[in-house]
Amino acid sequence: MSPDINVLNKMRELWSYWQGLFDGCERDIKRLMKAKKYAEYEESVNLILQTKKSL
């Protein structure tokens, strides 16, 4: 098991709680939840935050 998985599991819990704050980002949040590596996770978070900033 990758050490990334432990961190990702904890962060997914937070995002499951926060996802209601990010309307219109459902696809990106779904991608974030499926991320298996930290780099994929980070890319998804950046997309979500950029989308929220532009709204």
Protein backbone atom coordinates (compact mmCIF):
# COMPACT_ATOMS: atom_id res chain seq x y z
CA MET A 1 0.00 0.00 0.00
CA SER A 2 1.30 3.39 -0.99
CA PRO A 3 1.88 5.95 1.77
CA ASP A 4 -0.17 8.36 -0.36
CA ILE A 5 -3.27 6.27 0.26
CA ASN A 6 -3.36 7.07 3.97
CA VAL A 7 -3.27 10.81 3.34
CA LEU A 8 -5.72 10.61 0.44
CA ASN A 9 -8.27 8.70 2.52
CA LYS A 10 -8.22 11.38 5.20
CA MET A 11 -8.53 14.19 2.67
CA ARG A 12 -11.40 12.42 0.85
CA GLU A 13 -13.36 12.48 4.08
CA LEU A 14 -12.97 16.26 4.24
CA TRP A 15 -13.96 16.69 0.60
CA SER A 16 -17.06 14.55 1.08
CA TYR A 17 -18.10 17.09 3.70
CA TRP A 18 -17.04 20.16 1.65
CA GLN A 19 -18.48 19.09 -1.71
CA GLY A 20 -21.73 20.97 -1.06
CA LEU A 21 -19.76 24.22 -1.13
CA PHE A 22 -18.57 23.64 -4.69
CA ASP A 23 -21.62 23.64 -6.96
CA GLY A 24 -20.82 22.82 -10.57
CA CYS A 25 -17.66 20.87 -9.67
CA GLU A 26 -19.26 17.44 -9.30
CA ARG A 27 -17.18 15.90 -12.08
CA ASP A 28 -13.92 17.18 -10.60
CA ILE A 29 -14.88 16.04 -7.11
CA LYS A 30 -15.68 12.58 -8.46
CA ARG A 31 -12.25 12.52 -10.10
CA LEU A 32 -10.68 13.62 -6.80
CA MET A 33 -12.41 10.77 -4.95
CA LYS A 34 -11.03 8.25 -7.45
CA ALA A 35 -7.43 9.54 -7.31
CA LYS A 36 -4.91 6.88 -6.39
CA LYS A 37 -1.81 9.07 -6.38
CA TYR A 38 -1.19 12.37 -4.66
CA ALA A 39 -0.37 14.08 -7.97
CA GLU A 40 -3.82 13.17 -9.37
CA TYR A 41 -5.47 14.36 -6.17
CA GLU A 42 -3.59 17.67 -6.21
CA GLU A 43 -4.49 18.30 -9.85
CA SER A 44 -8.18 17.75 -9.08
CA VAL A 45 -8.08 20.06 -6.07
CA ASN A 46 -6.45 22.79 -8.13
CA LEU A 47 -9.16 22.47 -10.80
CA ILE A 48 -11.90 22.69 -8.18
CA LEU A 49 -10.41 25.72 -6.51
CA GLN A 50 -9.79 27.51 -9.82
CA THR A 51 -13.38 26.87 -10.88
CA LYS A 52 -14.68 28.21 -7.58
CA LYS A 53 -12.48 31.30 -7.87
CA SER A 54 -13.84 32.06 -11.35
CA LEU A 55 -17.48 31.82 -10.23
